[in-house]
């Protein structure tokens, strides 16, 4: 049954590289690293309950599940990891990157667990505000902020990370006519290099983000910008992302810390009082093991940048994927089981519309698949090399190719694991395929599973409305020269 959930529940760093496909295909076991076994057991119970309670079946062939207990555990682990290495009394704000899972109930849950919000658009800010995240626990990042976005942030007192000199000039004009409670800083690109996934690497020599610190004259411009503006009190950098090793992330933070020290020395006072070190902790998509952990990253930072934690600077983090990815599962019914070229093909309802990155860049974004039978029970049996396909009308719509799994048959379910971030919340409307419902789950008082609807499934009527259904005659009106209706 669905309702409001109450109460509090209790390889390599990137998960990519040589041998990924082999590790992924072996990753459906029930033994994992920190919390892995318990997480898999909770997932198994939730899948069966979803089938038994009618959330999943022939009439609802695709749903997404969120493990509320797991999300709470991740939030607690993040807070503990930095508390363990930071001087007592140091202000620390962990702001969730809303783009990872832009769902209001998720943001409310994280807010209750002590996590703020990092937003990068008016839409994300609206989601955070609707979830009740206070302005003082919200950070605005974007390389393309409009004057109105900046004006709103300053009026609300939201922290702003300035991306470039032109944006700083806009803030000069806005602040000339009044004061703000917003903490303001500049984002710098330390240009320390990229990781395994070029499209996600934000600290390359030519990244679009922030002030390129190693470009000629850039460092002096940044220092002078602070010396001329006493209201610049923060400094921001973001090096991490999927495919970026912890050592490279730490190099980026070290560069920002060194710059803050230089600014404060030249100012003759502690002008920069807070460092926003971004997020981007990689996630292991190869097994149940959580690796690296937030605690490991905090220890790497303490070794590389000890001055970061001595109490002289407040800290802001912006983690997203590492908080949510492992706690989401996409469940897709096998509509047909067929064969092509002698290889079995399971045709499911999960494909490019919910796993766009995996379909278009499978080497960079492999996902584990777990097999469940029609009753929602884990399937046993020998691994059979097969393809797991989605519903979209192009040949490359494949979640997995040549994957060894217990044979998926018609009416079974393919569980797409580790999809709690950047998957079911970011819909790709290919073939006008509907967004799936999202349900959170927790153990109930009777030893079963209780579900709460986070987002309703998109209906066909919703799709028609979004596609201009109310304006069917807009392009064929009687007066074709009259312009827009």
Protein backbone atom coordinates (compact mmCIF):
# COMPACT_ATOMS: atom_id res chain seq x y z
CA UNK A 1 0.00 0.00 0.00
CA UNK A 2 1.19 3.53 -0.74
CA UNK A 3 1.15 6.49 1.59
CA UNK A 4 3.50 8.61 3.64
CA UNK A 5 6.45 6.80 5.17
CA UNK A 6 7.11 7.73 8.76
CA UNK A 7 9.94 7.18 11.21
CA UNK A 8 13.69 6.88 10.64
CA UNK A 9 15.24 3.74 9.31
CA UNK A 10 18.30 2.87 10.38
CA UNK A 11 37.27 -2.91 -7.56
CA UNK A 12 38.53 0.43 -8.52
CA UNK A 13 37.49 3.85 -7.31
CA UNK A 14 35.56 4.72 -10.45
CA UNK A 15 33.99 1.36 -11.21
CA UNK A 16 35.20 1.65 -14.81
CA UNK A 17 38.16 0.48 -16.83
CA UNK A 18 39.50 -2.83 -18.05
CA UNK A 19 37.41 -5.79 -16.98
CA UNK A 20 34.30 -3.75 -16.12
CA UNK A 21 31.96 -5.90 -18.15
CA UNK A 22 33.15 -9.05 -16.41
CA UNK A 23 32.80 -7.50 -12.96
CA UNK A 24 29.39 -6.11 -13.74
CA UNK A 25 28.07 -9.44 -14.98
CA UNK A 26 29.20 -11.05 -11.75
CA UNK A 27 27.70 -8.29 -9.62
CA UNK A 28 24.32 -9.86 -8.87
CA UNK A 29 25.59 -11.81 -5.86
CA UNK A 30 24.29 -10.95 -2.41
CA UNK A 31 27.68 -10.30 -0.83
CA UNK A 32 29.11 -6.82 -0.80
CA UNK A 33 31.20 -4.27 0.99
CA UNK A 34 29.99 -1.74 3.56
CA UNK A 35 26.24 -2.29 3.79
CA UNK A 36 26.16 -4.16 0.50
CA UNK A 37 24.60 -7.38 1.75
CA UNK A 38 21.94 -5.60 3.80
CA UNK A 39 21.13 -3.29 0.90
CA UNK A 40 20.68 -6.22 -1.49
CA UNK A 41 18.45 -8.00 1.00
CA UNK A 42 16.26 -4.92 1.40
CA UNK A 43 16.02 -4.63 -2.37
CA UNK A 44 14.95 -8.27 -2.74
CA UNK A 45 12.17 -7.80 -0.20
CA UNK A 46 11.03 -4.59 -1.88
CA UNK A 47 10.90 -6.13 -5.36
CA UNK A 48 8.72 -9.00 -4.15
CA UNK A 49 6.49 -6.62 -2.21
CA UNK A 50 6.10 -4.35 -5.24
CA UNK A 51 4.77 -7.28 -7.25
CA UNK A 52 2.56 -8.55 -4.44
CA UNK A 53 1.10 -5.11 -3.79
CA UNK A 54 0.41 -4.44 -7.44
CA UNK A 55 2.88 -1.61 -7.96
CA UNK A 56 4.54 -3.71 -10.65
CA UNK A 57 2.87 -6.01 -13.13
CA UNK A 58 1.36 -6.22 -16.63
CA UNK A 59 -0.45 -2.90 -16.17
CA UNK A 60 2.56 -1.18 -14.59
CA UNK A 61 5.57 -2.69 -16.39
CA UNK A 62 8.13 -0.12 -15.26
CA UNK A 63 8.59 1.41 -11.80
CA UNK A 64 11.45 2.88 -9.82
CA UNK A 65 12.16 2.15 -6.16
CA UNK A 66 14.11 4.20 -3.63
CA UNK A 67 15.54 2.65 -0.47
CA UNK A 68 14.76 5.21 2.23
CA UNK A 69 16.84 3.39 4.83
CA UNK A 70 19.84 3.40 2.49
CA UNK A 71 19.50 7.11 1.75
CA UNK A 72 19.44 7.90 5.46
CA UNK A 73 22.49 5.74 6.04
CA UNK A 74 24.39 7.52 3.26
CA UNK A 75 23.54 10.94 4.66
CA UNK A 76 24.70 9.87 8.13
CA UNK A 77 27.92 8.40 6.72
CA UNK A 78 28.71 11.64 4.89
CA UNK A 79 28.21 13.76 7.98
CA UNK A 80 30.28 11.39 10.11
CA UNK A 81 33.09 11.20 7.57
CA UNK A 82 33.79 14.93 7.65
CA UNK A 83 33.07 15.34 11.35
CA UNK A 84 35.83 12.80 12.02
CA UNK A 85 38.51 14.93 10.34
CA UNK A 86 37.29 18.49 11.01
CA UNK A 87 38.16 20.63 14.01
CA UNK A 88 35.29 20.91 16.50
CA UNK A 89 33.05 23.90 15.87
CA UNK A 90 33.88 24.18 12.17
CA UNK A 91 30.80 25.15 10.13
CA UNK A 92 30.13 22.41 7.56
CA UNK A 93 27.29 22.42 5.05
CA UNK A 94 26.68 19.30 2.98
CA UNK A 95 24.53 20.48 0.07
CA UNK A 96 22.98 17.76 -2.12
CA UNK A 97 23.42 18.31 -5.86
CA UNK A 98 19.75 18.53 -6.84
CA UNK A 99 20.48 17.63 -10.46
CA UNK A 100 21.29 14.09 -9.32
CA UNK A 101 17.74 13.34 -8.12
CA UNK A 102 15.42 16.33 -8.60
CA UNK A 103 12.47 14.98 -6.63
CA UNK A 104 10.91 17.09 -3.88
CA UNK A 105 10.28 14.21 -1.40
CA UNK A 106 13.93 13.17 -1.76
CA UNK A 107 15.11 16.70 -1.02
CA UNK A 108 12.79 16.85 2.00
CA UNK A 109 14.16 13.53 3.29
CA UNK A 110 17.73 14.73 2.90
CA UNK A 111 16.87 18.04 4.56
CA UNK A 112 15.56 16.12 7.57
CA UNK A 113 18.84 14.19 7.57
CA UNK A 114 20.88 17.39 7.79
CA UNK A 115 21.68 17.86 4.10
CA UNK A 116 21.12 21.13 2.22
CA UNK A 117 20.75 21.75 -1.51
CA UNK A 118 23.06 22.79 -4.35
CA UNK A 119 20.97 24.17 -7.23
CA UNK A 120 21.89 25.15 -10.77
CA UNK A 121 18.67 26.51 -12.27
CA UNK A 122 15.43 28.28 -11.31
CA UNK A 123 13.68 24.91 -11.49
CA UNK A 124 16.08 23.27 -9.05
CA UNK A 125 15.80 26.23 -6.69
CA UNK A 126 12.01 25.94 -6.78
CA UNK A 127 12.26 22.23 -5.95
CA UNK A 128 14.55 22.91 -3.00
CA UNK A 129 12.30 25.65 -1.66
CA UNK A 130 9.20 23.48 -2.04
CA UNK A 131 11.02 20.76 -0.07
CA UNK A 132 11.58 23.25 2.74
CA UNK A 133 15.35 23.64 2.38
CA UNK A 134 16.23 27.00 3.98
CA UNK A 135 18.04 29.67 1.99
CA UNK A 136 20.93 29.49 4.44
CA UNK A 137 21.45 25.84 3.44
CA UNK A 138 21.18 26.42 -0.31
CA UNK A 139 23.98 27.12 -2.79
CA UNK A 140 23.48 28.44 -6.34
CA UNK A 141 25.89 27.20 -9.02
CA UNK A 142 25.49 27.62 -12.76
CA UNK A 143 27.69 28.85 -15.60
CA UNK A 144 24.76 30.78 -17.13
CA UNK A 145 22.93 32.65 -14.37
CA UNK A 146 20.59 35.37 -15.62
CA UNK A 147 20.29 38.75 -13.90
CA UNK A 148 16.91 37.69 -12.55
CA UNK A 149 18.34 34.48 -11.07
CA UNK A 150 21.08 36.45 -9.35
CA UNK A 151 18.59 39.03 -8.10
CA UNK A 152 16.38 36.33 -6.62
CA UNK A 153 19.30 34.59 -4.92
CA UNK A 154 20.51 37.83 -3.36
CA UNK A 155 17.01 38.67 -2.15
CA UNK A 156 16.61 35.27 -0.53
CA UNK A 157 20.10 35.17 1.00
CA UNK A 158 21.21 32.10 -0.95
CA UNK A 159 24.94 31.49 -1.34
CA UNK A 160 26.19 32.28 -4.85
CA UNK A 161 29.28 30.92 -6.58
CA UNK A 162 30.27 33.34 -9.34
CA UNK A 163 31.37 31.61 -12.52
CA UNK A 164 33.19 34.33 -14.51
CA UNK A 165 34.18 38.03 -14.68
CA UNK A 166 31.02 39.06 -16.54
CA UNK A 167 28.85 37.51 -13.83
CA UNK A 168 30.89 39.28 -11.19
CA UNK A 169 30.23 42.57 -13.00
CA UNK A 170 26.49 41.83 -12.83
CA UNK A 171 26.78 41.30 -9.08
CA UNK A 172 28.68 44.58 -8.75
CA UNK A 173 25.72 46.35 -10.32
CA UNK A 174 23.13 44.51 -8.24
CA UNK A 175 24.96 45.13 -4.97
CA UNK A 176 25.56 48.79 -5.72
CA UNK A 177 21.95 49.50 -4.79
CA UNK A 178 21.66 47.35 -1.67
CA UNK A 179 23.05 44.76 0.68
CA UNK A 180 22.48 41.01 0.84
CA UNK A 181 22.80 38.20 3.33
CA UNK A 182 24.08 35.90 0.57
CA UNK A 183 27.59 34.53 1.02
CA UNK A 184 29.36 35.07 -2.31
CA UNK A 185 32.47 33.49 -3.79
CA UNK A 186 34.14 32.81 -7.12
CA UNK A 187 34.41 29.40 -8.74
CA UNK A 188 37.89 28.60 -10.01
CA UNK A 189 39.01 25.84 -12.34
CA UNK A 190 42.34 24.55 -11.01
CA UNK A 191 43.04 22.92 -14.40
CA UNK A 192 44.53 19.83 -12.79
CA UNK A 193 43.30 17.46 -15.51
CA UNK A 194 40.45 15.15 -16.40
CA UNK A 195 39.28 11.70 -15.45
CA UNK A 196 38.19 8.65 -17.41
CA UNK A 197 35.00 10.29 -18.75
CA UNK A 198 35.95 13.43 -20.67
CA UNK A 199 32.40 14.81 -20.87
CA UNK A 200 32.18 14.93 -17.06
CA UNK A 201 35.65 16.28 -16.32
CA UNK A 202 35.32 19.82 -14.97
CA UNK A 203 38.98 20.65 -14.23
CA UNK A 204 40.53 20.28 -17.67
CA UNK A 205 42.46 23.09 -19.34
CA UNK A 206 39.44 24.07 -21.43
CA UNK A 207 36.53 23.31 -19.08
CA UNK A 208 33.58 25.70 -19.38
CA UNK A 209 33.29 26.06 -15.60
CA UNK A 210 34.79 28.79 -13.46
CA UNK A 211 37.83 31.01 -13.89
CA UNK A 212 40.67 29.02 -15.50
CA UNK A 213 43.27 29.56 -12.79
CA UNK A 214 46.38 28.72 -14.82
CA UNK A 215 45.52 30.93 -17.79
CA UNK A 216 47.76 33.96 -18.14
CA UNK A 217 46.79 36.66 -15.68
CA UNK A 218 43.84 34.72 -14.27
CA UNK A 219 45.20 34.07 -10.80
CA UNK A 220 46.10 37.72 -10.27
CA UNK A 221 42.66 38.75 -11.53
CA UNK A 222 41.00 36.49 -8.96
CA UNK A 223 43.14 37.81 -6.11
CA UNK A 224 42.49 41.42 -7.14
CA UNK A 225 38.74 40.72 -7.40
CA UNK A 226 38.72 39.69 -3.74
CA UNK A 227 40.90 42.57 -2.57
CA UNK A 228 38.56 45.02 -4.28
CA UNK A 229 35.38 43.41 -2.91
CA UNK A 230 35.28 42.70 0.84
CA UNK A 231 31.92 40.92 0.33
CA UNK A 232 33.65 38.07 -1.52
CA UNK A 233 34.13 35.62 1.36
CA UNK A 234 33.97 32.18 -0.23
CA UNK A 235 36.01 30.28 -2.80
CA UNK A 236 34.64 27.38 -4.83
CA UNK A 237 36.11 24.57 -6.91
CA UNK A 238 34.73 21.30 -8.24
CA UNK A 239 37.05 18.66 -9.67
CA UNK A 240 35.26 15.43 -8.85
CA UNK A 241 32.91 13.38 -10.99
CA UNK A 242 32.44 9.81 -12.15
CA UNK A 243 35.76 8.55 -13.50
CA UNK A 244 37.89 11.01 -11.50
CA UNK A 245 40.31 9.46 -8.95
CA UNK A 246 40.42 10.73 -5.39
CA UNK A 247 43.98 11.97 -5.73
CA UNK A 248 43.00 14.27 -8.61
CA UNK A 249 40.00 15.53 -6.66
CA UNK A 250 42.31 16.34 -3.76
CA UNK A 251 44.69 18.21 -6.07
CA UNK A 252 41.86 20.49 -7.12
CA UNK A 253 40.90 21.19 -3.52
CA UNK A 254 44.54 21.82 -2.62
CA UNK A 255 44.80 24.40 -5.38
CA UNK A 256 41.74 26.24 -4.09
CA UNK A 257 43.03 26.13 -0.52
CA UNK A 258 46.38 27.57 -1.60
CA UNK A 259 44.60 30.37 -3.44
CA UNK A 260 42.49 31.17 -0.37
CA UNK A 261 45.65 31.37 1.72
CA UNK A 262 47.21 33.76 -0.82
CA UNK A 263 44.13 35.98 -0.89
CA UNK A 264 43.99 36.17 2.90
CA UNK A 265 47.69 36.89 3.20
CA UNK A 266 47.52 39.74 0.71
CA UNK A 267 44.35 41.09 2.28
CA UNK A 268 45.99 41.02 5.71
CA UNK A 269 42.92 39.39 7.19
CA UNK A 270 40.78 36.26 6.91
CA UNK A 271 38.63 37.51 4.04
CA UNK A 272 37.96 34.05 2.56
CA UNK A 273 36.32 32.22 5.43
CA UNK A 274 34.65 29.29 3.61
CA UNK A 275 35.81 26.82 0.97
CA UNK A 276 33.22 25.08 -1.21
CA UNK A 277 35.00 21.94 -2.41
CA UNK A 278 32.21 20.60 -4.63
CA UNK A 279 31.31 16.93 -4.78
CA UNK A 280 31.63 14.30 -7.46
CA UNK A 281 32.68 11.28 -5.40
CA UNK A 282 32.71 8.36 -7.88
CA UNK A 283 30.35 5.43 -7.43
CA UNK A 284 31.22 1.77 -7.86
CA UNK A 285 28.71 0.42 -10.38
CA UNK A 286 30.47 -2.96 -10.53
CA UNK A 287 29.25 -4.62 -7.32
CA UNK A 288 27.38 -4.10 -4.06
CA UNK A 289 30.51 -2.67 -2.45
CA UNK A 290 30.46 1.03 -1.66
CA UNK A 291 33.85 2.21 -2.88
CA UNK A 292 35.22 4.75 -2.40
CA UNK A 293 33.40 5.92 0.70
CA UNK A 294 33.00 9.48 1.91
CA UNK A 295 35.25 8.55 4.83
CA UNK A 296 38.02 7.47 2.45
CA UNK A 297 37.76 10.74 0.55
CA UNK A 298 37.83 12.77 3.76
CA UNK A 299 41.01 10.96 4.83
CA UNK A 300 42.63 11.60 1.43
CA UNK A 301 41.77 15.29 1.75
CA UNK A 302 43.14 15.49 5.28
CA UNK A 303 46.45 14.03 4.12
CA UNK A 304 46.67 16.23 1.02
CA UNK A 305 45.27 19.49 2.47
CA UNK A 306 45.57 19.40 6.28
CA UNK A 307 44.84 23.14 6.54
CA UNK A 308 41.38 22.51 5.17
CA UNK A 309 40.25 20.97 8.45
CA UNK A 310 42.01 23.01 11.13
CA UNK A 311 38.99 25.21 11.82
CA UNK A 312 40.10 28.33 9.96
CA UNK A 313 37.72 27.67 7.07
CA UNK A 314 34.09 26.68 6.97
CA UNK A 315 33.36 23.90 4.48
CA UNK A 316 30.69 23.26 1.87
CA UNK A 317 30.35 20.02 -0.10
CA UNK A 318 28.08 19.26 -3.07
CA UNK A 319 27.74 15.48 -3.33
CA UNK A 320 24.96 13.98 -5.42
CA UNK A 321 25.56 10.63 -7.11
CA UNK A 322 27.40 9.15 -4.12
CA UNK A 323 24.43 9.81 -1.83
CA UNK A 324 21.66 8.38 -4.02
CA UNK A 325 22.92 6.09 -6.79
CA UNK A 326 23.15 2.85 -4.82
CA UNK A 327 19.69 3.28 -3.32
CA UNK A 328 17.65 3.31 -6.51
CA UNK A 329 16.41 0.36 -8.58
CA UNK A 330 14.54 0.40 -11.88
CA UNK A 331 12.23 -2.58 -12.31
CA UNK A 332 11.17 -3.50 -15.83
CA UNK A 333 8.86 -6.32 -16.88
CA UNK A 334 10.10 -8.62 -19.61
CA UNK A 335 7.39 -8.18 -22.21
CA UNK A 336 8.89 -10.66 -24.66
CA UNK A 337 11.75 -13.15 -24.62
CA UNK A 338 13.12 -13.93 -28.06
CA UNK A 339 16.29 -14.96 -29.85
CA UNK A 340 18.41 -13.33 -32.54
CA UNK A 341 21.49 -14.86 -34.07
CA UNK A 342 21.33 -17.62 -31.51
CA UNK A 343 21.47 -15.22 -28.56
CA UNK A 344 18.51 -14.71 -26.19
CA UNK A 345 17.06 -11.20 -26.04
CA UNK A 346 14.86 -10.00 -23.18
CA UNK A 347 12.72 -7.09 -24.41
CA UNK A 348 11.86 -4.95 -21.38
CA UNK A 349 10.26 -1.58 -20.68
CA UNK A 350 13.47 0.09 -19.45
CA UNK A 351 15.77 1.54 -22.05
CA UNK A 352 17.04 4.82 -23.37
CA UNK A 353 14.19 6.82 -21.81
CA UNK A 354 15.47 6.05 -18.29
CA UNK A 355 19.10 5.00 -18.85
CA UNK A 356 20.19 7.40 -21.57
CA UNK A 357 23.85 7.48 -20.62
CA UNK A 358 24.10 3.70 -20.43
CA UNK A 359 22.45 3.19 -23.82
CA UNK A 360 24.52 5.80 -25.65
CA UNK A 361 27.81 5.29 -23.78
CA UNK A 362 27.73 1.73 -22.39
CA UNK A 363 31.50 1.47 -21.88
CA UNK A 364 31.50 4.54 -19.62
CA UNK A 365 28.19 3.84 -17.89
CA UNK A 366 27.65 0.08 -17.43
CA UNK A 367 24.89 -0.96 -15.06
CA UNK A 368 24.33 -4.20 -13.20
CA UNK A 369 21.18 -6.17 -14.00
CA UNK A 370 19.54 -8.57 -11.54
CA UNK A 371 16.96 -11.15 -12.63
CA UNK A 372 13.68 -11.67 -10.76
CA UNK A 373 10.89 -14.07 -11.59
CA UNK A 374 7.24 -13.17 -12.18
CA UNK A 375 6.58 -13.28 -8.43
CA UNK A 376 9.40 -10.85 -7.68
CA UNK A 377 11.80 -13.48 -6.31
CA UNK A 378 15.50 -13.53 -7.30
CA UNK A 379 16.02 -16.00 -10.15
CA UNK A 380 18.49 -18.81 -9.69
CA UNK A 381 20.17 -20.93 -12.31
CA UNK A 382 23.21 -20.85 -14.55
CA UNK A 383 24.30 -17.66 -16.23
CA UNK A 384 23.08 -17.47 -19.82
CA UNK A 385 24.69 -14.94 -22.13
CA UNK A 386 21.86 -12.68 -23.31
CA UNK A 387 20.94 -9.13 -24.25
CA UNK A 388 18.63 -6.95 -22.17
CA UNK A 389 16.82 -4.55 -24.47
CA UNK A 390 14.59 -1.55 -24.01
CA UNK A 391 11.36 -0.55 -25.78
CA UNK A 392 12.63 2.26 -28.01
CA UNK A 393 12.61 2.01 -31.78
CA UNK A 394 16.29 1.86 -32.54
CA UNK A 395 18.68 -1.07 -32.52
CA UNK A 396 21.05 0.35 -29.93
CA UNK A 397 18.44 0.57 -27.19
CA UNK A 398 20.20 -2.02 -25.02
CA UNK A 399 20.79 -1.96 -21.26
CA UNK A 400 23.25 -4.86 -21.47
CA UNK A 401 24.83 -6.79 -24.32
CA UNK A 402 26.11 -10.33 -23.98
CA UNK A 403 25.49 -10.34 -20.23
CA UNK A 404 25.54 -13.63 -18.27
CA UNK A 405 22.36 -13.80 -16.18
CA UNK A 406 19.80 -16.41 -15.19
CA UNK A 407 17.68 -16.64 -18.31
CA UNK A 408 15.07 -13.87 -18.39
CA UNK A 409 11.72 -15.15 -19.61
CA UNK A 410 8.43 -13.50 -20.50
CA UNK A 411 6.80 -12.08 -17.37
CA UNK A 412 10.06 -11.94 -15.40
CA UNK A 413 11.57 -8.66 -14.20
CA UNK A 414 14.93 -7.11 -14.97
CA UNK A 415 16.15 -4.96 -12.09
CA UNK A 416 18.49 -2.19 -13.20
CA UNK A 417 20.63 -1.52 -10.14
CA UNK A 418 22.32 1.60 -8.78
CA UNK A 419 19.97 3.94 -10.64
CA UNK A 420 19.05 6.29 -7.79
CA UNK A 421 20.93 9.22 -9.34
CA UNK A 422 20.89 10.56 -12.91
CA UNK A 423 18.60 7.76 -14.17
CA UNK A 424 14.90 7.60 -13.45
CA UNK A 425 14.76 11.26 -12.45
CA UNK A 426 16.16 12.46 -15.78
CA UNK A 427 13.71 11.31 -18.38
CA UNK A 428 14.47 11.23 -22.10
CA UNK A 429 11.20 11.37 -24.04
CA UNK A 430 12.23 9.19 -26.99
CA UNK A 431 9.16 7.59 -28.65
CA UNK A 432 7.02 9.62 -26.20
CA UNK A 433 7.66 6.93 -23.60
CA UNK A 434 6.18 7.76 -20.21
CA UNK A 435 8.10 8.65 -17.08
CA UNK A 436 7.77 5.82 -14.57
CA UNK A 437 6.36 6.12 -11.09
CA UNK A 438 8.87 6.41 -8.27
CA UNK A 439 8.14 4.79 -4.90
CA UNK A 440 10.15 4.95 -1.69
CA UNK A 441 10.17 1.92 0.58
CA UNK A 442 10.77 1.13 4.25
CA UNK A 443 10.15 -1.88 6.50
CA UNK A 444 6.73 -1.65 8.12
CA UNK A 445 5.77 -2.53 11.69
CA UNK A 446 4.60 -6.02 10.68
CA UNK A 447 7.84 -7.12 9.08
CA UNK A 448 6.73 -6.30 5.55
CA UNK A 449 7.46 -3.42 3.20
CA UNK A 450 5.59 -0.10 3.09
CA UNK A 451 5.69 2.07 -0.02
CA UNK A 452 5.10 5.79 -0.51
CA UNK A 453 4.66 7.36 -3.92
CA UNK A 454 7.39 9.92 -4.61
CA UNK A 455 6.19 10.68 -8.15
CA UNK A 456 3.15 9.40 -10.03
CA UNK A 457 3.66 7.67 -13.37
CA UNK A 458 3.20 9.96 -16.34
CA UNK A 459 -0.07 9.25 -18.14
CA UNK A 460 -0.75 9.28 -21.86
CA UNK A 461 -2.89 12.37 -21.27
CA UNK A 462 0.13 14.06 -19.65
CA UNK A 463 2.26 13.25 -22.67
CA UNK A 464 -0.34 14.72 -25.03
CA UNK A 465 -0.64 17.87 -22.93
CA UNK A 466 3.15 18.37 -22.85
CA UNK A 467 3.26 17.90 -26.60
CA UNK A 468 0.89 20.76 -27.41
CA UNK A 469 -2.35 18.80 -27.35
CA UNK A 470 -4.37 21.88 -26.49
CA UNK A 471 -2.92 23.68 -29.54
CA UNK A 472 -3.55 21.08 -32.21
CA UNK A 473 -4.70 23.77 -34.70
CA UNK A 474 -1.91 26.23 -33.92
CA UNK A 475 -0.13 25.70 -37.24
CA UNK A 476 -3.18 25.25 -39.46
CA UNK A 477 -5.44 28.10 -38.33
CA UNK A 478 -7.77 29.83 -40.73
CA UNK A 479 -5.75 33.04 -40.85
CA UNK A 480 -2.30 31.68 -41.61
CA UNK A 481 -0.77 35.12 -41.74
CA UNK A 482 -2.09 36.26 -38.41
CA UNK A 483 0.89 35.04 -36.41
CA UNK A 484 0.66 33.21 -33.10
CA UNK A 485 -2.75 32.51 -31.67
